[in-house]
Amino acid sequence: LLLFSRFPLTDGKLVRFSHAPAEELRHTSKGFYHAQVELPVIGKINLINFHMSAGGKHLHPQSSTMEAIRQKQIEQLLDYSQSLNHTLMAGDLNAGPEVSIENYEQVLSSNYHDLFSQSGAKGISWDPDNPLVQHGRESHLPPQRIDHVFANKSLFENLKVADAKIVFDEHCVSISNEVVPLSDHYGLSMNIEWKTTID
């Protein structure tokens, strides 16, 4: 979990999920990171970077057990962010319009907007044909967009997504005898325009 900003970030806080597969609770720090940034002219906004559980060591990512765990993780994130004003959340939901749709819609039904979708952009962020994926145990899963940028209602009303696209899908890193992308996930890039200043 990582946030970069050209303007100073303040009040950084890591929150671990209370619910996760057993091995993640013992050995990782799945959760979300919250910080605030003061943007010139615009004002202060909240930034949250999150990473929901996929399938753990033994569970299928779209199994009912994993979807129930993600539901609890999303509830924890939404409960935390409920009192925050002007909030942008970005990260790996391990759910989206194509897979674990109820987990994805859980976020949308809480007054958050999917900025990539709102822009009209198309594409996937996780691809079974990615060479970093195609020989692994998840290679049977369908192509999907499970990485997202969400804005809550108060922030969404003050912005417009000028353009959005999938990035870092190029094969550009040489490993042994093949060239691969930077990651097993592709990136989302967005240009956001602000309509007004934020109080």
N, C-alpha and C. Protein backbone atom coordinates (compact mmCIF):
# COMPACT_ATOMS: atom_id res chain seq x y z
N LEU A 1 0.86 -1.18 0.00
CA LEU A 1 0.00 0.00 0.00
C LEU A 1 0.89 1.23 0.00
N LEU A 2 0.69 2.09 -0.98
CA LEU A 2 1.60 3.21 -1.15
C LEU A 2 0.88 4.38 -1.82
N LEU A 3 1.12 5.58 -1.33
CA LEU A 3 0.61 6.80 -1.94
C LEU A 3 1.77 7.72 -2.25
N PHE A 4 1.79 8.27 -3.46
CA PHE A 4 2.75 9.30 -3.84
C PHE A 4 1.97 10.58 -4.14
N SER A 5 2.56 11.72 -3.80
CA SER A 5 1.92 12.99 -4.12
C SER A 5 2.99 14.06 -4.30
N ARG A 6 2.79 14.95 -5.26
CA ARG A 6 3.73 16.06 -5.41
C ARG A 6 3.50 17.09 -4.31
N PHE A 7 2.36 16.99 -3.61
CA PHE A 7 2.07 17.87 -2.48
C PHE A 7 2.12 17.06 -1.19
N PRO A 8 2.46 17.70 -0.06
CA PRO A 8 2.66 16.94 1.18
C PRO A 8 1.42 16.15 1.61
N LEU A 9 1.66 14.91 2.01
CA LEU A 9 0.62 14.06 2.58
C LEU A 9 0.70 14.16 4.10
N THR A 10 -0.45 14.20 4.76
CA THR A 10 -0.49 14.29 6.22
C THR A 10 -1.43 13.24 6.78
N ASP A 11 -1.30 13.01 8.09
CA ASP A 11 -2.21 12.13 8.85
C ASP A 11 -2.24 10.71 8.29
N GLY A 12 -1.08 10.19 7.88
CA GLY A 12 -1.04 8.84 7.34
C GLY A 12 -1.41 7.79 8.38
N LYS A 13 -2.23 6.84 7.97
CA LYS A 13 -2.69 5.81 8.90
C LYS A 13 -2.94 4.51 8.15
N LEU A 14 -2.34 3.40 8.62
CA LEU A 14 -2.57 2.07 8.07
C LEU A 14 -3.61 1.36 8.91
N VAL A 15 -4.63 0.80 8.26
CA VAL A 15 -5.67 0.04 8.95
C VAL A 15 -5.69 -1.37 8.38
N ARG A 16 -5.44 -2.36 9.20
CA ARG A 16 -5.48 -3.75 8.76
C ARG A 16 -6.92 -4.26 8.78
N PHE A 17 -7.23 -5.16 7.86
CA PHE A 17 -8.55 -5.75 7.84
C PHE A 17 -8.72 -6.71 9.02
N SER A 18 -9.90 -6.71 9.61
CA SER A 18 -10.23 -7.62 10.70
C SER A 18 -10.54 -9.02 10.18
N HIS A 19 -11.01 -9.09 8.92
CA HIS A 19 -11.36 -10.37 8.30
C HIS A 19 -10.47 -10.60 7.09
N ALA A 20 -9.90 -11.80 7.01
CA ALA A 20 -9.04 -12.20 5.89
C ALA A 20 -8.81 -13.70 6.02
N PRO A 21 -8.35 -14.35 4.94
CA PRO A 21 -7.95 -15.75 5.08
C PRO A 21 -6.90 -15.89 6.19
N ALA A 22 -6.88 -17.03 6.84
CA ALA A 22 -6.03 -17.23 8.02
C ALA A 22 -4.57 -16.89 7.77
N GLU A 23 -4.03 -17.32 6.61
CA GLU A 23 -2.61 -17.07 6.35
C GLU A 23 -2.32 -15.59 6.16
N GLU A 24 -3.30 -14.82 5.64
CA GLU A 24 -3.09 -13.38 5.49
C GLU A 24 -3.13 -12.68 6.84
N LEU A 25 -4.00 -13.13 7.72
CA LEU A 25 -4.05 -12.53 9.06
C LEU A 25 -2.74 -12.74 9.81
N ARG A 26 -2.09 -13.88 9.54
CA ARG A 26 -0.84 -14.20 10.24
C ARG A 26 0.38 -13.56 9.60
N HIS A 27 0.41 -13.49 8.27
CA HIS A 27 1.67 -13.17 7.60
C HIS A 27 1.68 -11.90 6.76
N THR A 28 0.55 -11.24 6.55
CA THR A 28 0.54 -10.04 5.73
C THR A 28 -0.21 -8.91 6.42
N SER A 29 -0.24 -7.77 5.78
CA SER A 29 -0.96 -6.61 6.33
C SER A 29 -1.98 -6.12 5.32
N LYS A 30 -2.83 -6.99 4.82
CA LYS A 30 -3.89 -6.55 3.91
C LYS A 30 -4.77 -5.54 4.64
N GLY A 31 -5.12 -4.49 3.94
CA GLY A 31 -5.95 -3.47 4.55
C GLY A 31 -5.99 -2.24 3.68
N PHE A 32 -5.95 -1.06 4.31
CA PHE A 32 -5.96 0.18 3.54
C PHE A 32 -5.14 1.24 4.26
N TYR A 33 -4.65 2.19 3.45
CA TYR A 33 -3.84 3.28 3.97
C TYR A 33 -4.54 4.59 3.65
N HIS A 34 -4.69 5.43 4.67
CA HIS A 34 -5.41 6.70 4.53
C HIS A 34 -4.47 7.87 4.81
N ALA A 35 -4.51 8.86 3.95
CA ALA A 35 -3.79 10.12 4.17
C ALA A 35 -4.60 11.26 3.59
N GLN A 36 -4.23 12.48 3.97
CA GLN A 36 -4.88 13.67 3.41
C GLN A 36 -3.86 14.47 2.63
N VAL A 37 -4.34 15.19 1.62
CA VAL A 37 -3.47 16.06 0.85
C VAL A 37 -4.20 17.38 0.61
N GLU A 38 -3.47 18.47 0.75
CA GLU A 38 -4.00 19.82 0.50
C GLU A 38 -3.57 20.21 -0.91
N LEU A 39 -4.55 20.33 -1.81
CA LEU A 39 -4.25 20.66 -3.20
C LEU A 39 -4.45 22.16 -3.44
N PRO A 40 -3.52 22.80 -4.13
CA PRO A 40 -3.67 24.23 -4.41
C PRO A 40 -5.00 24.53 -5.10
N VAL A 41 -5.65 25.57 -4.69
CA VAL A 41 -6.93 26.04 -5.24
C VAL A 41 -8.08 25.11 -4.85
N ILE A 42 -7.86 23.81 -4.93
CA ILE A 42 -8.94 22.84 -4.73
C ILE A 42 -9.27 22.66 -3.25
N GLY A 43 -8.26 22.47 -2.43
CA GLY A 43 -8.49 22.26 -1.00
C GLY A 43 -8.07 20.87 -0.57
N LYS A 44 -8.53 20.45 0.61
CA LYS A 44 -8.09 19.20 1.21
C LYS A 44 -8.98 18.04 0.77
N ILE A 45 -8.34 16.93 0.37
CA ILE A 45 -9.09 15.72 0.07
C ILE A 45 -8.45 14.54 0.80
N ASN A 46 -9.24 13.49 0.99
CA ASN A 46 -8.77 12.25 1.60
C ASN A 46 -8.40 11.26 0.50
N LEU A 47 -7.27 10.59 0.67
CA LEU A 47 -6.82 9.56 -0.25
C LEU A 47 -6.73 8.24 0.50
N ILE A 48 -7.31 7.19 -0.08
CA ILE A 48 -7.25 5.86 0.53
C ILE A 48 -6.78 4.87 -0.52
N ASN A 49 -5.72 4.13 -0.20
CA ASN A 49 -5.22 3.05 -1.05
C ASN A 49 -5.58 1.73 -0.36
N PHE A 50 -6.24 0.81 -1.08
CA PHE A 50 -6.72 -0.44 -0.47
C PHE A 50 -6.28 -1.65 -1.27
N HIS A 51 -6.27 -2.80 -0.61
CA HIS A 51 -6.00 -4.08 -1.28
C HIS A 51 -6.82 -5.17 -0.59
N MET A 52 -7.91 -5.61 -1.25
CA MET A 52 -8.75 -6.66 -0.71
C MET A 52 -8.13 -8.04 -1.00
N SER A 53 -8.51 -9.02 -0.22
CA SER A 53 -8.01 -10.38 -0.40
C SER A 53 -8.49 -10.96 -1.73
N ALA A 54 -7.64 -11.80 -2.31
CA ALA A 54 -8.02 -12.52 -3.54
C ALA A 54 -8.59 -13.87 -3.14
N GLY A 55 -7.76 -14.90 -3.14
CA GLY A 55 -8.27 -16.23 -2.81
C GLY A 55 -7.54 -16.91 -1.67
N GLY A 56 -6.59 -16.22 -1.08
CA GLY A 56 -5.81 -16.91 -0.06
C GLY A 56 -5.02 -18.04 -0.70
N LYS A 57 -4.49 -18.90 0.12
CA LYS A 57 -3.64 -19.99 -0.37
C LYS A 57 -4.45 -21.12 -0.99
N HIS A 58 -5.67 -21.35 -0.49
CA HIS A 58 -6.41 -22.54 -0.89
C HIS A 58 -7.78 -22.25 -1.49
N LEU A 59 -8.20 -21.00 -1.54
CA LEU A 59 -9.58 -20.71 -1.94
C LEU A 59 -9.64 -20.04 -3.31
N HIS A 60 -10.66 -20.35 -4.07
CA HIS A 60 -10.89 -19.70 -5.37
C HIS A 60 -11.31 -18.26 -5.11
N PRO A 61 -10.75 -17.28 -5.85
CA PRO A 61 -11.07 -15.88 -5.61
C PRO A 61 -12.56 -15.55 -5.70
N GLN A 62 -13.30 -16.28 -6.53
CA GLN A 62 -14.73 -16.01 -6.66
C GLN A 62 -15.60 -17.00 -5.86
N SER A 63 -15.00 -17.72 -4.93
CA SER A 63 -15.79 -18.63 -4.09
C SER A 63 -16.67 -17.83 -3.14
N SER A 64 -17.73 -18.45 -2.67
CA SER A 64 -18.64 -17.76 -1.75
C SER A 64 -17.92 -17.37 -0.46
N THR A 65 -16.96 -18.19 -0.04
CA THR A 65 -16.19 -17.88 1.18
C THR A 65 -15.38 -16.60 0.99
N MET A 66 -14.69 -16.50 -0.15
CA MET A 66 -13.86 -15.31 -0.38
C MET A 66 -14.72 -14.08 -0.61
N GLU A 67 -15.83 -14.23 -1.29
CA GLU A 67 -16.71 -13.07 -1.50
C GLU A 67 -17.28 -12.58 -0.17
N ALA A 68 -17.54 -13.51 0.76
CA ALA A 68 -18.02 -13.11 2.09
C ALA A 68 -16.92 -12.39 2.87
N ILE A 69 -15.68 -12.86 2.75
CA ILE A 69 -14.57 -12.18 3.42
C ILE A 69 -14.39 -10.77 2.84
N ARG A 70 -14.42 -10.65 1.51
CA ARG A 70 -14.29 -9.32 0.89
C ARG A 70 -15.44 -8.42 1.29
N GLN A 71 -16.63 -8.98 1.43
CA GLN A 71 -17.78 -8.17 1.87
C GLN A 71 -17.48 -7.54 3.22
N LYS A 72 -16.89 -8.30 4.14
CA LYS A 72 -16.54 -7.77 5.47
C LYS A 72 -15.44 -6.72 5.35
N GLN A 73 -14.46 -6.96 4.46
CA GLN A 73 -13.39 -5.98 4.28
C GLN A 73 -13.93 -4.67 3.71
N ILE A 74 -14.83 -4.78 2.74
CA ILE A 74 -15.43 -3.58 2.15
C ILE A 74 -16.26 -2.84 3.19
N GLU A 75 -17.01 -3.59 4.01
CA GLU A 75 -17.78 -2.96 5.08
C GLU A 75 -16.87 -2.18 6.02
N GLN A 76 -15.73 -2.75 6.37
CA GLN A 76 -14.79 -2.07 7.27
C GLN A 76 -14.27 -0.79 6.62
N LEU A 77 -13.92 -0.87 5.33
CA LEU A 77 -13.44 0.31 4.61
C LEU A 77 -14.52 1.39 4.53
N LEU A 78 -15.74 0.98 4.18
CA LEU A 78 -16.82 1.96 4.04
C LEU A 78 -17.22 2.56 5.38
N ASP A 79 -17.21 1.76 6.44
CA ASP A 79 -17.51 2.29 7.78
C ASP A 79 -16.46 3.33 8.17
N TYR A 80 -15.20 3.04 7.87
CA TYR A 80 -14.12 3.97 8.20
C TYR A 80 -14.27 5.27 7.42
N SER A 81 -14.58 5.17 6.14
CA SER A 81 -14.60 6.36 5.28
C SER A 81 -15.92 7.14 5.35
N GLN A 82 -16.90 6.59 6.03
CA GLN A 82 -18.23 7.22 6.07
C GLN A 82 -18.18 8.64 6.61
N SER A 83 -17.32 8.88 7.60
CA SER A 83 -17.25 10.21 8.22
C SER A 83 -16.31 11.15 7.47
N LEU A 84 -15.63 10.66 6.43
CA LEU A 84 -14.68 11.49 5.70
C LEU A 84 -15.37 12.24 4.57
N ASN A 85 -14.94 13.46 4.36
CA ASN A 85 -15.49 14.26 3.28
C ASN A 85 -14.50 14.27 2.11
N HIS A 86 -15.01 14.34 0.89
CA HIS A 86 -14.16 14.46 -0.31
C HIS A 86 -13.08 13.36 -0.32
N THR A 87 -13.49 12.15 -0.69
CA THR A 87 -12.62 10.99 -0.58
C THR A 87 -12.41 10.31 -1.93
N LEU A 88 -11.15 10.04 -2.23
CA LEU A 88 -10.76 9.29 -3.42
C LEU A 88 -10.13 7.98 -2.94
N MET A 89 -10.69 6.85 -3.39
CA MET A 89 -10.17 5.54 -3.00
C MET A 89 -9.65 4.82 -4.24
N ALA A 90 -8.45 4.24 -4.14
CA ALA A 90 -7.88 3.54 -5.29
C ALA A 90 -7.20 2.27 -4.82
N GLY A 91 -7.32 1.21 -5.62
CA GLY A 91 -6.62 -0.01 -5.27
C GLY A 91 -7.19 -1.23 -5.93
N ASP A 92 -6.74 -2.37 -5.42
CA ASP A 92 -7.10 -3.69 -5.93
C ASP A 92 -8.26 -4.23 -5.12
N LEU A 93 -9.46 -4.21 -5.72
CA LEU A 93 -10.66 -4.69 -5.04
C LEU A 93 -10.80 -6.21 -5.16
N ASN A 94 -10.09 -6.82 -6.11
CA ASN A 94 -10.27 -8.23 -6.43
C ASN A 94 -11.74 -8.55 -6.71
N ALA A 95 -12.40 -7.59 -7.28
CA ALA A 95 -13.80 -7.70 -7.73
C ALA A 95 -14.03 -6.58 -8.72
N GLY A 96 -15.00 -6.76 -9.60
CA GLY A 96 -15.26 -5.72 -10.59
C GLY A 96 -16.49 -6.01 -11.40
N PRO A 97 -16.66 -5.34 -12.53
CA PRO A 97 -17.85 -5.52 -13.37
C PRO A 97 -17.96 -6.93 -13.95
N GLU A 98 -16.83 -7.65 -14.02
CA GLU A 98 -16.85 -8.98 -14.63
C GLU A 98 -16.85 -10.12 -13.61
N VAL A 99 -16.30 -9.90 -12.41
CA VAL A 99 -16.17 -10.97 -11.41
C VAL A 99 -16.52 -10.45 -10.02
N SER A 100 -17.07 -11.35 -9.19
CA SER A 100 -17.48 -10.97 -7.83
C SER A 100 -18.23 -9.64 -7.86
N ILE A 101 -19.23 -9.61 -8.71
CA ILE A 101 -19.95 -8.36 -9.01
C ILE A 101 -20.62 -7.79 -7.76
N GLU A 102 -21.10 -8.65 -6.86
CA GLU A 102 -21.77 -8.14 -5.65
C GLU A 102 -20.79 -7.36 -4.78
N ASN A 103 -19.53 -7.80 -4.69
CA ASN A 103 -18.53 -7.03 -3.94
C ASN A 103 -18.31 -5.67 -4.57
N TYR A 104 -18.21 -5.63 -5.89
CA TYR A 104 -18.03 -4.38 -6.62
C TYR A 104 -19.22 -3.45 -6.41
N GLU A 105 -20.43 -3.99 -6.54
CA GLU A 105 -21.64 -3.17 -6.39
C GLU A 105 -21.85 -2.70 -4.96
N GLN A 106 -21.24 -3.40 -4.00
CA GLN A 106 -21.30 -2.98 -2.61
C GLN A 106 -20.68 -1.60 -2.43
N VAL A 107 -19.60 -1.34 -3.15
CA VAL A 107 -18.95 -0.03 -3.10
C VAL A 107 -19.82 1.02 -3.79
N LEU A 108 -20.33 0.68 -4.97
CA LEU A 108 -21.13 1.63 -5.73
C LEU A 108 -22.42 2.01 -5.00
N SER A 109 -22.99 1.06 -4.26
CA SER A 109 -24.25 1.34 -3.56
C SER A 109 -24.04 2.20 -2.32
N SER A 110 -22.79 2.51 -1.99
CA SER A 110 -22.47 3.35 -0.84
C SER A 110 -22.04 4.74 -1.28
N ASN A 111 -22.63 5.21 -2.38
CA ASN A 111 -22.39 6.57 -2.89
C ASN A 111 -20.96 6.80 -3.36
N TYR A 112 -20.32 5.74 -3.85
CA TYR A 112 -19.02 5.89 -4.51
C TYR A 112 -19.21 5.68 -6.01
N HIS A 113 -18.42 6.39 -6.80
CA HIS A 113 -18.51 6.32 -8.26
C HIS A 113 -17.21 5.73 -8.81
N ASP A 114 -17.32 4.82 -9.75
CA ASP A 114 -16.19 4.21 -10.43
C ASP A 114 -15.76 5.17 -11.53
N LEU A 115 -14.63 5.87 -11.33
CA LEU A 115 -14.22 6.92 -12.26
C LEU A 115 -13.81 6.37 -13.62
N PHE A 116 -13.22 5.19 -13.66
CA PHE A 116 -12.84 4.59 -14.94
C PHE A 116 -14.09 4.31 -15.76
N SER A 117 -15.09 3.72 -15.14
CA SER A 117 -16.34 3.41 -15.82
C SER A 117 -17.08 4.69 -16.23
N GLN A 118 -17.10 5.69 -15.34
CA GLN A 118 -17.79 6.94 -15.62
C GLN A 118 -17.16 7.66 -16.82
N SER A 119 -15.88 7.43 -17.04
CA SER A 119 -15.20 8.11 -18.16
C SER A 119 -15.55 7.49 -19.51
N GLY A 120 -16.14 6.29 -19.47
CA GLY A 120 -16.44 5.58 -20.71
C GLY A 120 -15.28 4.74 -21.22
N ALA A 121 -14.18 4.71 -20.47
CA ALA A 121 -13.01 3.93 -20.88
C ALA A 121 -13.30 2.43 -20.77
N LYS A 122 -12.57 1.65 -21.55
CA LYS A 122 -12.71 0.20 -21.54
C LYS A 122 -11.34 -0.43 -21.30
N GLY A 123 -11.34 -1.65 -20.79
CA GLY A 123 -10.09 -2.37 -20.63
C GLY A 123 -10.08 -3.22 -19.38
N ILE A 124 -9.07 -4.06 -19.28
CA ILE A 124 -8.91 -4.95 -18.13
C ILE A 124 -7.60 -4.64 -17.43
N SER A 125 -7.54 -4.91 -16.14
CA SER A 125 -6.31 -4.66 -15.39
C SER A 125 -5.64 -5.97 -14.96
N TRP A 126 -6.34 -7.09 -15.14
CA TRP A 126 -5.76 -8.41 -14.83
C TRP A 126 -6.07 -9.33 -16.00
N ASP A 127 -5.00 -9.89 -16.57
CA ASP A 127 -5.11 -10.60 -17.85
C ASP A 127 -4.47 -11.98 -17.73
N PRO A 128 -5.22 -13.05 -17.95
CA PRO A 128 -4.63 -14.39 -17.87
C PRO A 128 -3.57 -14.64 -18.95
N ASP A 129 -3.55 -13.81 -19.99
CA ASP A 129 -2.51 -13.93 -21.03
C ASP A 129 -1.22 -13.20 -20.68
N ASN A 130 -1.23 -12.45 -19.59
CA ASN A 130 -0.01 -11.81 -19.11
C ASN A 130 0.98 -12.93 -18.76
N PRO A 131 2.21 -12.90 -19.30
CA PRO A 131 3.16 -13.98 -19.02
C PRO A 131 3.48 -14.15 -17.54
N LEU A 132 3.26 -13.11 -16.73
CA LEU A 132 3.48 -13.25 -15.29
C LEU A 132 2.33 -13.99 -14.62
N VAL A 133 1.25 -14.23 -15.37
CA VAL A 133 0.07 -14.91 -14.84
C VAL A 133 -0.14 -16.28 -15.49
N GLN A 134 0.15 -16.37 -16.78
CA GLN A 134 -0.32 -17.51 -17.58
C GLN A 134 0.24 -18.86 -17.16
N HIS A 135 1.30 -18.89 -16.37
CA HIS A 135 1.83 -20.18 -15.90
C HIS A 135 1.56 -20.40 -14.41
N GLY A 136 0.79 -19.49 -13.81
CA GLY A 136 0.49 -19.60 -12.38
C GLY A 136 -0.83 -20.30 -12.11
N ARG A 137 -1.14 -20.43 -10.82
CA ARG A 137 -2.35 -21.17 -10.46
C ARG A 137 -3.63 -20.38 -10.70
N GLU A 138 -3.53 -19.09 -11.04
CA GLU A 138 -4.72 -18.28 -11.31
C GLU A 138 -4.96 -18.10 -12.80
N SER A 139 -4.19 -18.80 -13.64
CA SER A 139 -4.26 -18.57 -15.09
C SER A 139 -5.59 -18.96 -15.71
N HIS A 140 -6.40 -19.75 -15.00
CA HIS A 140 -7.70 -20.17 -15.53
C HIS A 140 -8.78 -19.11 -15.36
N LEU A 141 -8.49 -18.05 -14.61
CA LEU A 141 -9.50 -17.03 -14.34
C LEU A 141 -9.70 -16.15 -15.57
N PRO A 142 -10.90 -15.56 -15.72
CA PRO A 142 -11.17 -14.74 -16.90
C PRO A 142 -10.50 -13.37 -16.83
N PRO A 143 -10.33 -12.70 -17.99
CA PRO A 143 -9.84 -11.31 -17.97
C PRO A 143 -10.80 -10.45 -17.15
N GLN A 144 -10.25 -9.48 -16.42
CA GLN A 144 -11.12 -8.72 -15.52
C GLN A 144 -10.49 -7.37 -15.16
N ARG A 145 -11.35 -6.42 -14.81
CA ARG A 145 -10.88 -5.13 -14.27
C ARG A 145 -11.21 -5.12 -12.79
N ILE A 146 -10.20 -5.43 -11.98
CA ILE A 146 -10.39 -5.53 -10.54
C ILE A 146 -9.67 -4.40 -9.80
N ASP A 147 -8.99 -3.53 -10.53
CA ASP A 147 -8.31 -2.37 -9.95
C ASP A 147 -9.13 -1.13 -10.27
N HIS A 148 -9.30 -0.25 -9.29
CA HIS A 148 -10.30 0.82 -9.43
C HIS A 148 -9.84 2.13 -8.80
N VAL A 149 -10.49 3.20 -9.25
CA VAL A 149 -10.43 4.50 -8.57
C VAL A 149 -11.88 4.92 -8.34
N PHE A 150 -12.23 5.09 -7.06
CA PHE A 150 -13.59 5.48 -6.69
C PHE A 150 -13.56 6.87 -6.05
N ALA A 151 -14.59 7.66 -6.30
CA ALA A 151 -14.76 8.96 -5.63
C ALA A 151 -16.11 8.97 -4.93
N ASN A 152 -16.12 9.47 -3.70
CA ASN A 152 -17.41 9.56 -3.02
C ASN A 152 -18.23 10.70 -3.62
N LYS A 153 -19.50 10.75 -3.26
CA LYS A 153 -20.44 11.67 -3.92
C LYS A 153 -19.98 13.12 -3.83
N SER A 154 -19.53 13.56 -2.65
CA SER A 154 -19.17 14.97 -2.48
C SER A 154 -17.98 15.35 -3.35
N LEU A 155 -17.06 14.41 -3.57
CA LEU A 155 -15.92 14.69 -4.44
C LEU A 155 -16.31 14.56 -5.91
N PHE A 156 -17.09 13.54 -6.21
CA PHE A 156 -17.48 13.27 -7.59
C PHE A 156 -18.23 14.46 -8.20
N GLU A 157 -19.04 15.13 -7.40
CA GLU A 157 -19.81 16.27 -7.90
C GLU A 157 -18.91 17.44 -8.30
N ASN A 158 -17.64 17.42 -7.85
CA ASN A 158 -16.73 18.52 -8.14
C ASN A 158 -15.65 18.18 -9.16
N LEU A 159 -15.76 17.02 -9.80
CA LEU A 159 -14.71 16.64 -10.73
C LEU A 159 -15.27 16.10 -12.04
N LYS A 160 -14.38 16.04 -13.01
CA LYS A 160 -14.69 15.44 -14.30
C LYS A 160 -13.45 14.65 -14.75
N VAL A 161 -13.66 13.42 -15.19
CA VAL A 161 -12.54 12.61 -15.69
C VAL A 161 -12.33 12.98 -17.16
N ALA A 162 -11.22 13.65 -17.43
CA ALA A 162 -10.94 14.09 -18.80
C ALA A 162 -10.59 12.92 -19.70
N ASP A 163 -9.82 11.98 -19.16
CA ASP A 163 -9.54 10.75 -19.91
C ASP A 163 -9.04 9.69 -18.93
N ALA A 164 -9.18 8.43 -19.34
CA ALA A 164 -8.75 7.30 -18.52
C ALA A 164 -8.32 6.18 -19.44
N LYS A 165 -7.31 5.43 -19.03
CA LYS A 165 -6.84 4.33 -19.87
C LYS A 165 -6.07 3.32 -19.02
N ILE A 166 -5.91 2.13 -19.60
CA ILE A 166 -5.08 1.09 -19.01
C ILE A 166 -3.63 1.36 -19.43
N VAL A 167 -2.70 1.28 -18.46
CA VAL A 167 -1.28 1.53 -18.74
C VAL A 167 -0.43 0.39 -18.16
N PHE A 168 0.84 0.41 -18.49
CA PHE A 168 1.82 -0.58 -18.02
C PHE A 168 1.45 -2.00 -18.46
N ASP A 169 0.80 -2.11 -19.62
CA ASP A 169 0.50 -3.43 -20.17
C ASP A 169 1.52 -3.85 -21.23
N GLU A 170 2.50 -2.97 -21.49
CA GLU A 170 3.52 -3.29 -22.49
C GLU A 170 4.51 -4.32 -21.93
N HIS A 171 5.00 -5.18 -22.79
CA HIS A 171 6.04 -6.13 -22.41
C HIS A 171 7.38 -5.41 -22.54
N CYS A 172 7.97 -5.03 -21.41
CA CYS A 172 9.13 -4.15 -21.45
C CYS A 172 10.26 -4.55 -20.50
N VAL A 173 10.08 -5.63 -19.74
CA VAL A 173 11.09 -6.06 -18.78
C VAL A 173 11.65 -7.41 -19.22
N SER A 174 12.96 -7.48 -19.44
CA SER A 174 13.58 -8.73 -19.88
C SER A 174 13.87 -9.63 -18.68
N ILE A 175 13.33 -10.85 -18.75
CA ILE A 175 13.58 -11.86 -17.72
C ILE A 175 13.93 -13.16 -18.44
N SER A 176 15.12 -13.67 -18.21
CA SER A 176 15.59 -14.89 -18.90
C SER A 176 15.41 -14.71 -20.40
N ASN A 177 14.56 -15.57 -21.00
CA ASN A 177 14.41 -15.54 -22.45
C ASN A 177 13.11 -14.88 -22.91
N GLU A 178 12.45 -14.13 -22.03
CA GLU A 178 11.20 -13.48 -22.44
C GLU A 178 11.14 -12.06 -21.93
N VAL A 179 10.22 -11.30 -22.50
CA VAL A 179 9.98 -9.92 -22.09
C VAL A 179 8.58 -9.86 -21.52
N VAL A 180 8.44 -9.28 -20.32
CA VAL A 180 7.17 -9.31 -19.59
C VAL A 180 6.77 -7.89 -19.18
N PRO A 181 5.49 -7.71 -18.80
CA PRO A 181 5.07 -6.40 -18.25
C PRO A 181 5.68 -6.15 -16.88
N LEU A 182 5.46 -4.96 -16.34
CA LEU A 182 6.00 -4.58 -15.04
C LEU A 182 5.41 -5.40 -13.91
N SER A 183 4.16 -5.86 -14.06
CA SER A 183 3.45 -6.49 -12.95
C SER A 183 2.44 -7.50 -13.48
N ASP A 184 1.89 -8.31 -12.57
CA ASP A 184 0.79 -9.20 -12.96
C ASP A 184 -0.52 -8.43 -13.10
N HIS A 185 -0.55 -7.18 -12.62
CA HIS A 185 -1.68 -6.28 -12.83
C HIS A 185 -1.24 -5.14 -13.73
N TYR A 186 -2.12 -4.67 -14.59
CA TYR A 186 -1.87 -3.45 -15.35
C TYR A 186 -2.34 -2.26 -14.52
N GLY A 187 -1.93 -1.07 -14.92
CA GLY A 187 -2.29 0.13 -14.18
C GLY A 187 -3.47 0.87 -14.78
N LEU A 188 -4.08 1.74 -13.98
CA LEU A 188 -5.11 2.66 -14.46
C LEU A 188 -4.53 4.07 -14.39
N SER A 189 -4.66 4.82 -15.47
CA SER A 189 -4.20 6.20 -15.49
C SER A 189 -5.39 7.11 -15.80
N MET A 190 -5.51 8.20 -15.04
CA MET A 190 -6.62 9.13 -15.24
C MET A 190 -6.16 10.56 -15.13
N ASN A 191 -6.72 11.41 -15.96
CA ASN A 191 -6.58 12.85 -15.82
C ASN A 191 -7.91 13.38 -15.30
N ILE A 192 -7.87 14.00 -14.14
CA ILE A 192 -9.09 14.50 -13.49
C ILE A 192 -9.08 16.01 -13.49
N GLU A 193 -10.17 16.59 -13.94
CA GLU A 193 -10.33 18.05 -13.92
C GLU A 193 -11.29 18.42 -12.80
N TRP A 194 -10.96 19.52 -12.12
CA TRP A 194 -11.81 19.97 -11.02
C TRP A 194 -12.75 21.07 -11.51
N LYS A 195 -14.01 20.94 -11.18
CA LYS A 195 -15.01 21.93 -11.61
C LYS A 195 -14.97 23.17 -10.75
N THR A 196 -14.76 22.97 -9.45
CA THR A 196 -14.82 24.08 -8.50
C THR A 196 -13.79 23.86 -7.42
N THR A 197 -13.62 24.85 -6.55
CA THR A 197 -12.83 24.63 -5.34
C THR A 197 -13.68 23.85 -4.35
N ILE A 198 -13.01 23.13 -3.45
CA ILE A 198 -13.70 22.30 -2.46
C ILE A 198 -13.59 22.97 -1.12
N ASP A 199 -14.71 23.13 -0.44
CA ASP A 199 -14.70 23.75 0.90
C ASP A 199 -14.18 22.77 1.94
